[in-house]
Amino acid sequence: MILLIFALGTLLGILAGGGLCVRYLRREIAADIGPQLRRIQSELDLIEATLNFALVSRYTEVGTGPARATVLPPPRASDD
């Protein structure tokens, strides 16, 4: 009977210790990756803003550029 109580106590101790270890590791991992994620998000926002600016500039340049005349080929003489 004493051996059974000792085994049950050991198993409960291992379970509680593992739970605390997992909780601690999850908190540390989340705290460590947070600043990196914010830095990556700010870099992505900067790339997106630069790309949008380039597209708007290009569309404006194309829209306000001088109109090019379309040169049509001379009409062919009919063989009639």
C-alpha atoms as a PDB file:
ATOM      1  CA  MET A   1       0.000   0.000   0.000  1.00  0.00           C
ATOM      2  CA  ILE A   2       2.833   2.377   0.854  1.00  0.00           C
ATOM      3  CA  LEU A   3       4.464   1.624  -2.479  1.00  0.00           C
ATOM      4  CA  LEU A   4       1.225   2.520  -4.282  1.00  0.00           C
ATOM      5  CA  ILE A   5       0.982   5.879  -2.459  1.00  0.00           C
ATOM      6  CA  PHE A   6       4.638   6.590  -3.271  1.00  0.00           C
ATOM      7  CA  ALA A   7       4.076   5.769  -6.962  1.00  0.00           C
ATOM      8  CA  LEU A   8       0.935   7.932  -7.096  1.00  0.00           C
ATOM      9  CA  GLY A   9       2.790  10.848  -5.470  1.00  0.00           C
ATOM     10  CA  THR A  10       5.654  10.468  -7.919  1.00  0.00           C
ATOM     11  CA  LEU A  11       3.316  10.480 -10.905  1.00  0.00           C
ATOM     12  CA  LEU A  12       1.431  13.537  -9.622  1.00  0.00           C
ATOM     13  CA  GLY A  13       4.734  15.334  -9.013  1.00  0.00           C
ATOM     14  CA  ILE A  14       5.939  14.576 -12.530  1.00  0.00           C
ATOM     15  CA  LEU A  15       2.631  15.759 -13.972  1.00  0.00           C
ATOM     16  CA  ALA A  16       2.647  19.006 -11.970  1.00  0.00           C
ATOM     17  CA  GLY A  17       6.325  19.665 -12.766  1.00  0.00           C
ATOM     18  CA  GLY A  18       5.768  19.059 -16.464  1.00  0.00           C
ATOM     19  CA  GLY A  19       2.775  21.409 -16.462  1.00  0.00           C
ATOM     20  CA  LEU A  20       4.765  24.177 -14.790  1.00  0.00           C
ATOM     21  CA  CYS A  21       7.682  23.638 -17.155  1.00  0.00           C
ATOM     22  CA  VAL A  22       5.449  23.858 -20.228  1.00  0.00           C
ATOM     23  CA  ARG A  23       3.741  26.989 -18.868  1.00  0.00           C
ATOM     24  CA  TYR A  24       7.101  28.661 -18.198  1.00  0.00           C
ATOM     25  CA  LEU A  25       8.522  27.727 -21.612  1.00  0.00           C
ATOM     26  CA  ARG A  26       5.423  28.967 -23.461  1.00  0.00           C
ATOM     27  CA  ARG A  27       5.611  32.319 -21.643  1.00  0.00           C
ATOM     28  CA  GLU A  28       9.324  32.734 -22.393  1.00  0.00           C
ATOM     29  CA  ILE A  29       8.972  31.793 -26.044  1.00  0.00           C
ATOM     30  CA  ALA A  30       6.056  34.189 -26.518  1.00  0.00           C
ATOM     31  CA  ALA A  31       7.909  37.019 -24.780  1.00  0.00           C
ATOM     32  CA  ASP A  32      11.029  36.446 -26.867  1.00  0.00           C
ATOM     33  CA  ILE A  33       9.337  36.350 -30.265  1.00  0.00           C
ATOM     34  CA  GLY A  34       7.058  39.374 -29.728  1.00  0.00           C
ATOM     35  CA  PRO A  35       9.619  42.122 -30.518  1.00  0.00           C
ATOM     36  CA  GLN A  36      10.850  40.231 -33.578  1.00  0.00           C
ATOM     37  CA  LEU A  37       7.322  39.925 -34.919  1.00  0.00           C
ATOM     38  CA  ARG A  38       6.733  43.661 -34.436  1.00  0.00           C
ATOM     39  CA  ARG A  39       9.990  44.456 -36.282  1.00  0.00           C
ATOM     40  CA  ILE A  40       9.090  42.152 -39.171  1.00  0.00           C
ATOM     41  CA  GLN A  41       5.587  43.672 -39.360  1.00  0.00           C
ATOM     42  CA  SER A  42       7.022  47.198 -39.514  1.00  0.00           C
ATOM     43  CA  GLU A  43       9.396  46.138 -42.318  1.00  0.00           C
ATOM     44  CA  LEU A  44       6.485  44.609 -44.253  1.00  0.00           C
ATOM     45  CA  ASP A  45       4.470  47.802 -43.777  1.00  0.00           C
ATOM     46  CA  LEU A  46       7.392  49.844 -45.122  1.00  0.00           C
ATOM     47  CA  ILE A  47       7.707  47.578 -48.183  1.00  0.00           C
ATOM     48  CA  GLU A  48       3.961  47.824 -48.800  1.00  0.00           C
ATOM     49  CA  ALA A  49       4.005  51.632 -48.548  1.00  0.00           C
ATOM     50  CA  THR A  50       6.980  51.867 -50.912  1.00  0.00           C
ATOM     51  CA  LEU A  51       5.312  49.569 -53.430  1.00  0.00           C
ATOM     52  CA  ASN A  52       2.055  51.540 -53.269  1.00  0.00           C
ATOM     53  CA  PHE A  53       3.956  54.798 -53.787  1.00  0.00           C
ATOM     54  CA  ALA A  54       5.788  53.361 -56.796  1.00  0.00           C
ATOM     55  CA  LEU A  55       2.544  52.097 -58.343  1.00  0.00           C
ATOM     56  CA  VAL A  56       0.727  55.394 -57.820  1.00  0.00           C
ATOM     57  CA  SER A  57       3.679  57.302 -59.256  1.00  0.00           C
ATOM     58  CA  ARG A  58       3.790  55.032 -62.299  1.00  0.00           C
ATOM     59  CA  TYR A  59       0.034  55.276 -62.912  1.00  0.00           C
ATOM     60  CA  THR A  60       0.226  59.053 -62.611  1.00  0.00           C
ATOM     61  CA  GLU A  61       3.175  59.186 -64.995  1.00  0.00           C
ATOM     62  CA  VAL A  62       1.405  57.004 -67.541  1.00  0.00           C
ATOM     63  CA  GLY A  63      -1.875  58.905 -67.194  1.00  0.00           C
ATOM     64  CA  THR A  64      -0.395  62.400 -67.624  1.00  0.00           C
ATOM     65  CA  GLY A  65       2.219  61.592 -70.268  1.00  0.00           C
ATOM     66  CA  PRO A  66       2.040  63.097 -73.748  1.00  0.00           C
ATOM     67  CA  ALA A  67      -0.486  61.467 -75.994  1.00  0.00           C
ATOM     68  CA  ARG A  68       1.231  59.466 -78.674  1.00  0.00           C
ATOM     69  CA  ALA A  69      -0.246  59.683 -82.121  1.00  0.00           C
ATOM     70  CA  THR A  70      -1.134  56.392 -83.639  1.00  0.00           C
ATOM     71  CA  VAL A  71       0.359  56.106 -87.084  1.00  0.00           C
ATOM     72  CA  LEU A  72      -1.863  54.164 -89.417  1.00  0.00           C
ATOM     73  CA  PRO A  73      -0.409  52.508 -92.493  1.00  0.00           C
ATOM     74  CA  PRO A  74      -1.419  54.076 -95.801  1.00  0.00           C
ATOM     75  CA  PRO A  75      -4.464  52.505 -97.411  1.00  0.00           C
ATOM     76  CA  ARG A  76      -3.727  49.853-100.016  1.00  0.00           C
ATOM     77  CA  ALA A  77      -4.789  50.313-103.566  1.00  0.00           C
ATOM     78  CA  SER A  78      -7.577  48.000-104.442  1.00  0.00           C
ATOM     79  CA  ASP A  79      -7.066  45.563-107.277  1.00  0.00           C
ATOM     80  CA  ASP A  80     -10.493  46.235-108.763  1.00  0.00           C
END
